[in-house]
């Protein structure tokens, strides 16, 4: 498993990327672009995604415990079986289309 624990990746664009199973726990992803990115099974526990652009990204079975999505633009994200305990968001993450 690739690990980016507590990585600072703010404002990075990861368009149509495969990040399946990656460990991004505690990562700073503020303002990043995740268009068509597959984060299935990824660990995003306590990740900071404030202001991120999340469009048609896949988070199937991802661990989003305590992740912060406030101010993020989320459209068409797939979050089936994602763990959302304690996740913070301005919108309903399970119905983000």
N, C-alpha and C. Protein backbone atom coordinates (compact mmCIF):
# COMPACT_ATOMS: atom_id res chain seq x y z
N UNK A 1 0.83 -1.17 0.00
CA UNK A 1 0.00 0.00 0.00
C UNK A 1 0.89 1.24 0.00
N UNK A 2 0.60 2.17 -0.89
CA UNK A 2 1.32 3.43 -0.94
C UNK A 2 0.90 4.30 0.24
N UNK A 3 1.86 4.96 0.88
CA UNK A 3 1.58 5.76 2.07
C UNK A 3 1.97 7.22 1.85
N UNK A 4 1.03 8.09 2.14
CA UNK A 4 1.25 9.53 2.13
C UNK A 4 0.72 10.11 3.43
N UNK A 5 1.01 9.46 4.54
CA UNK A 5 0.49 9.86 5.84
C UNK A 5 0.95 11.27 6.16
N UNK A 6 0.00 12.14 6.48
CA UNK A 6 0.22 13.54 6.82
C UNK A 6 0.95 14.32 5.71
N UNK A 7 0.82 13.88 4.49
CA UNK A 7 1.45 14.57 3.35
C UNK A 7 0.78 15.92 3.12
N UNK A 8 1.54 16.88 2.68
CA UNK A 8 1.00 18.18 2.32
C UNK A 8 0.88 18.19 0.80
N UNK A 9 -0.37 18.10 0.33
CA UNK A 9 -0.62 18.01 -1.10
C UNK A 9 -1.67 19.04 -1.50
N UNK A 10 -1.72 20.17 -0.81
CA UNK A 10 -2.73 21.18 -1.10
C UNK A 10 -2.54 21.71 -2.52
N UNK A 11 -3.67 21.97 -3.16
CA UNK A 11 -3.75 22.52 -4.53
C UNK A 11 -3.17 21.61 -5.61
N UNK A 12 -2.98 20.33 -5.33
CA UNK A 12 -2.53 19.36 -6.33
C UNK A 12 -3.74 18.92 -7.16
N UNK A 13 -3.57 18.73 -8.44
CA UNK A 13 -4.63 18.21 -9.30
C UNK A 13 -4.32 16.76 -9.64
N UNK A 14 -5.23 15.88 -9.24
CA UNK A 14 -5.07 14.45 -9.52
C UNK A 14 -6.25 14.02 -10.40
N UNK A 15 -6.23 14.46 -11.66
CA UNK A 15 -7.33 14.17 -12.56
C UNK A 15 -7.17 12.80 -13.20
N UNK A 16 -8.28 12.03 -13.17
CA UNK A 16 -8.35 10.69 -13.73
C UNK A 16 -7.14 9.87 -13.29
N UNK A 17 -6.93 9.82 -12.00
CA UNK A 17 -5.81 9.09 -11.42
C UNK A 17 -6.33 7.88 -10.66
N UNK A 18 -5.50 6.87 -10.53
CA UNK A 18 -5.83 5.71 -9.72
C UNK A 18 -5.03 5.79 -8.43
N UNK A 19 -5.74 5.97 -7.33
CA UNK A 19 -5.11 6.04 -6.01
C UNK A 19 -5.79 4.99 -5.11
N UNK A 20 -6.10 3.86 -5.70
CA UNK A 20 -6.80 2.79 -4.99
C UNK A 20 -5.95 2.30 -3.82
N UNK A 21 -6.57 2.29 -2.63
CA UNK A 21 -5.92 1.74 -1.44
C UNK A 21 -4.82 2.60 -0.84
N UNK A 22 -4.60 3.80 -1.35
CA UNK A 22 -3.52 4.64 -0.85
C UNK A 22 -3.84 5.12 0.58
N UNK A 23 -2.80 5.30 1.39
CA UNK A 23 -2.97 5.79 2.76
C UNK A 23 -2.68 7.30 2.77
N UNK A 24 -3.75 8.08 2.88
CA UNK A 24 -3.65 9.54 2.93
C UNK A 24 -4.15 10.06 4.28
N UNK A 25 -4.02 9.25 5.31
CA UNK A 25 -4.53 9.67 6.61
C UNK A 25 -3.81 10.93 7.09
N UNK A 26 -4.60 11.92 7.52
CA UNK A 26 -4.06 13.17 8.01
C UNK A 26 -3.47 14.07 6.95
N UNK A 27 -3.64 13.73 5.67
CA UNK A 27 -3.04 14.52 4.58
C UNK A 27 -3.73 15.87 4.41
N UNK A 28 -2.97 16.87 4.01
CA UNK A 28 -3.48 18.19 3.69
C UNK A 28 -3.79 18.22 2.20
N UNK A 29 -5.06 18.11 1.87
CA UNK A 29 -5.51 18.08 0.47
C UNK A 29 -6.38 19.30 0.17
N UNK A 30 -6.20 20.37 0.93
CA UNK A 30 -7.01 21.57 0.73
C UNK A 30 -6.86 22.11 -0.69
N UNK A 31 -8.02 22.38 -1.30
CA UNK A 31 -8.03 22.98 -2.63
C UNK A 31 -7.58 22.08 -3.76
N UNK A 32 -7.38 20.80 -3.49
CA UNK A 32 -6.90 19.90 -4.56
C UNK A 32 -8.04 19.58 -5.53
N UNK A 33 -7.68 19.14 -6.72
CA UNK A 33 -8.64 18.75 -7.73
C UNK A 33 -8.65 17.23 -7.87
N UNK A 34 -9.81 16.64 -7.62
CA UNK A 34 -9.95 15.18 -7.73
C UNK A 34 -11.06 14.89 -8.74
N UNK A 35 -10.79 15.10 -10.00
CA UNK A 35 -11.77 14.85 -11.06
C UNK A 35 -11.53 13.47 -11.64
N UNK A 36 -12.52 12.57 -11.43
CA UNK A 36 -12.41 11.22 -11.96
C UNK A 36 -11.38 10.36 -11.25
N UNK A 37 -10.92 10.78 -10.10
CA UNK A 37 -9.89 10.05 -9.35
C UNK A 37 -10.52 8.88 -8.62
N UNK A 38 -9.89 7.71 -8.66
CA UNK A 38 -10.39 6.53 -7.96
C UNK A 38 -9.61 6.35 -6.66
N UNK A 39 -10.31 6.60 -5.55
CA UNK A 39 -9.74 6.45 -4.20
C UNK A 39 -10.43 5.31 -3.47
N UNK A 40 -10.88 4.31 -4.21
CA UNK A 40 -11.55 3.16 -3.58
C UNK A 40 -10.63 2.49 -2.58
N UNK A 41 -11.17 2.20 -1.40
CA UNK A 41 -10.40 1.52 -0.36
C UNK A 41 -9.30 2.36 0.26
N UNK A 42 -9.23 3.63 -0.09
CA UNK A 42 -8.18 4.50 0.45
C UNK A 42 -8.46 4.87 1.90
N UNK A 43 -7.41 5.18 2.64
CA UNK A 43 -7.53 5.65 4.01
C UNK A 43 -7.33 7.17 4.00
N UNK A 44 -8.43 7.89 4.19
CA UNK A 44 -8.39 9.35 4.26
C UNK A 44 -8.81 9.82 5.65
N UNK A 45 -8.53 9.02 6.66
CA UNK A 45 -8.87 9.37 8.03
C UNK A 45 -8.24 10.71 8.39
N UNK A 46 -9.06 11.63 8.86
CA UNK A 46 -8.63 12.97 9.29
C UNK A 46 -7.97 13.79 8.18
N UNK A 47 -8.20 13.44 6.92
CA UNK A 47 -7.66 14.23 5.81
C UNK A 47 -8.39 15.56 5.72
N UNK A 48 -7.68 16.60 5.32
CA UNK A 48 -8.24 17.94 5.17
C UNK A 48 -8.50 18.20 3.69
N UNK A 49 -9.76 18.13 3.30
CA UNK A 49 -10.16 18.34 1.91
C UNK A 49 -10.97 19.63 1.75
N UNK A 50 -10.78 20.57 2.65
CA UNK A 50 -11.54 21.83 2.56
C UNK A 50 -11.22 22.54 1.25
N UNK A 51 -12.29 22.95 0.56
CA UNK A 51 -12.14 23.68 -0.68
C UNK A 51 -11.74 22.83 -1.88
N UNK A 52 -11.70 21.54 -1.71
CA UNK A 52 -11.31 20.64 -2.82
C UNK A 52 -12.39 20.63 -3.91
N UNK A 53 -12.00 20.33 -5.13
CA UNK A 53 -12.91 20.16 -6.26
C UNK A 53 -13.01 18.67 -6.52
N UNK A 54 -14.11 18.06 -6.08
CA UNK A 54 -14.27 16.60 -6.16
C UNK A 54 -15.39 16.31 -7.14
N UNK A 55 -15.03 15.92 -8.35
CA UNK A 55 -16.00 15.72 -9.43
C UNK A 55 -15.85 14.31 -9.98
N UNK A 56 -16.93 13.54 -9.86
CA UNK A 56 -16.97 12.17 -10.36
C UNK A 56 -15.82 11.32 -9.85
N UNK A 57 -15.42 11.56 -8.61
CA UNK A 57 -14.38 10.75 -7.96
C UNK A 57 -15.03 9.54 -7.30
N UNK A 58 -14.26 8.50 -7.09
CA UNK A 58 -14.75 7.27 -6.50
C UNK A 58 -14.10 7.03 -5.15
N UNK A 59 -14.94 6.86 -4.12
CA UNK A 59 -14.48 6.61 -2.75
C UNK A 59 -15.11 5.32 -2.22
N UNK A 60 -15.33 4.32 -3.07
CA UNK A 60 -15.98 3.08 -2.64
C UNK A 60 -15.16 2.42 -1.55
N UNK A 61 -15.81 2.16 -0.41
CA UNK A 61 -15.19 1.50 0.76
C UNK A 61 -13.98 2.26 1.30
N UNK A 62 -13.89 3.56 1.03
CA UNK A 62 -12.79 4.38 1.57
C UNK A 62 -13.09 4.73 3.02
N UNK A 63 -12.06 4.90 3.82
CA UNK A 63 -12.22 5.32 5.21
C UNK A 63 -12.06 6.84 5.27
N UNK A 64 -13.18 7.53 5.45
CA UNK A 64 -13.22 8.99 5.50
C UNK A 64 -13.52 9.48 6.91
N UNK A 65 -13.22 8.65 7.91
CA UNK A 65 -13.47 9.01 9.30
C UNK A 65 -12.79 10.34 9.63
N UNK A 66 -13.57 11.27 10.16
CA UNK A 66 -13.09 12.60 10.58
C UNK A 66 -12.48 13.44 9.45
N UNK A 67 -12.70 13.08 8.19
CA UNK A 67 -12.22 13.89 7.08
C UNK A 67 -13.01 15.20 7.04
N UNK A 68 -12.39 16.27 6.60
CA UNK A 68 -13.03 17.59 6.56
C UNK A 68 -13.24 18.01 5.11
N UNK A 69 -14.52 18.01 4.69
CA UNK A 69 -14.91 18.38 3.33
C UNK A 69 -15.57 19.75 3.28
N UNK A 70 -15.50 20.53 4.36
CA UNK A 70 -16.19 21.82 4.37
C UNK A 70 -15.65 22.73 3.28
N UNK A 71 -16.60 23.35 2.56
CA UNK A 71 -16.23 24.24 1.47
C UNK A 71 -15.81 23.54 0.19
N UNK A 72 -15.83 22.22 0.20
CA UNK A 72 -15.47 21.47 -1.01
C UNK A 72 -16.62 21.47 -2.00
N UNK A 73 -16.29 21.49 -3.27
CA UNK A 73 -17.29 21.35 -4.33
C UNK A 73 -17.32 19.86 -4.67
N UNK A 74 -18.45 19.21 -4.40
CA UNK A 74 -18.56 17.77 -4.61
C UNK A 74 -19.73 17.51 -5.57
N UNK A 75 -19.42 16.86 -6.69
CA UNK A 75 -20.46 16.51 -7.66
C UNK A 75 -20.18 15.13 -8.23
N UNK A 76 -21.19 14.27 -8.17
CA UNK A 76 -21.09 12.95 -8.79
C UNK A 76 -20.11 12.01 -8.13
N UNK A 77 -19.79 12.23 -6.87
CA UNK A 77 -18.85 11.35 -6.17
C UNK A 77 -19.55 10.05 -5.77
N UNK A 78 -18.87 8.94 -5.91
CA UNK A 78 -19.38 7.61 -5.56
C UNK A 78 -18.80 7.23 -4.20
N UNK A 79 -19.68 7.09 -3.19
CA UNK A 79 -19.22 6.81 -1.84
C UNK A 79 -19.88 5.58 -1.22
N UNK A 80 -20.22 4.60 -2.04
CA UNK A 80 -20.82 3.37 -1.51
C UNK A 80 -19.87 2.71 -0.52
N UNK A 81 -20.41 2.30 0.60
CA UNK A 81 -19.70 1.58 1.68
C UNK A 81 -18.55 2.40 2.28
N UNK A 82 -18.49 3.70 1.98
CA UNK A 82 -17.46 4.54 2.59
C UNK A 82 -17.77 4.73 4.07
N UNK A 83 -16.74 4.83 4.88
CA UNK A 83 -16.89 5.07 6.31
C UNK A 83 -16.82 6.58 6.51
N UNK A 84 -17.93 7.17 6.96
CA UNK A 84 -18.05 8.61 7.06
C UNK A 84 -18.18 9.10 8.51
N UNK A 85 -17.86 8.25 9.47
CA UNK A 85 -18.00 8.62 10.89
C UNK A 85 -17.21 9.89 11.20
N UNK A 86 -17.89 10.91 11.68
CA UNK A 86 -17.24 12.14 12.09
C UNK A 86 -16.80 13.04 10.94
N UNK A 87 -17.08 12.65 9.68
CA UNK A 87 -16.70 13.50 8.54
C UNK A 87 -17.49 14.80 8.58
N UNK A 88 -16.84 15.90 8.24
CA UNK A 88 -17.47 17.21 8.25
C UNK A 88 -17.65 17.69 6.82
N UNK A 89 -18.88 18.18 6.53
CA UNK A 89 -19.17 18.63 5.18
C UNK A 89 -20.32 19.63 5.21
N UNK A 90 -20.36 20.50 4.21
CA UNK A 90 -21.46 21.45 4.05
C UNK A 90 -22.63 20.81 3.30
N UNK A 91 -22.46 19.59 2.81
CA UNK A 91 -23.51 18.92 2.04
C UNK A 91 -23.58 17.46 2.40
N UNK A 92 -24.62 16.79 1.94
CA UNK A 92 -24.81 15.37 2.18
C UNK A 92 -23.82 14.57 1.32
N UNK A 93 -22.83 13.98 1.92
CA UNK A 93 -21.80 13.27 1.16
C UNK A 93 -22.33 12.06 0.41
N UNK A 94 -23.36 11.42 0.93
CA UNK A 94 -23.89 10.23 0.26
C UNK A 94 -24.78 10.57 -0.93
N UNK A 95 -25.19 11.81 -1.04
CA UNK A 95 -26.03 12.25 -2.16
C UNK A 95 -25.43 13.50 -2.78
N UNK A 96 -24.23 13.38 -3.24
CA UNK A 96 -23.48 14.55 -3.72
C UNK A 96 -23.59 14.80 -5.22
N UNK A 97 -24.51 14.13 -5.90
CA UNK A 97 -24.61 14.35 -7.34
C UNK A 97 -25.45 15.54 -7.68
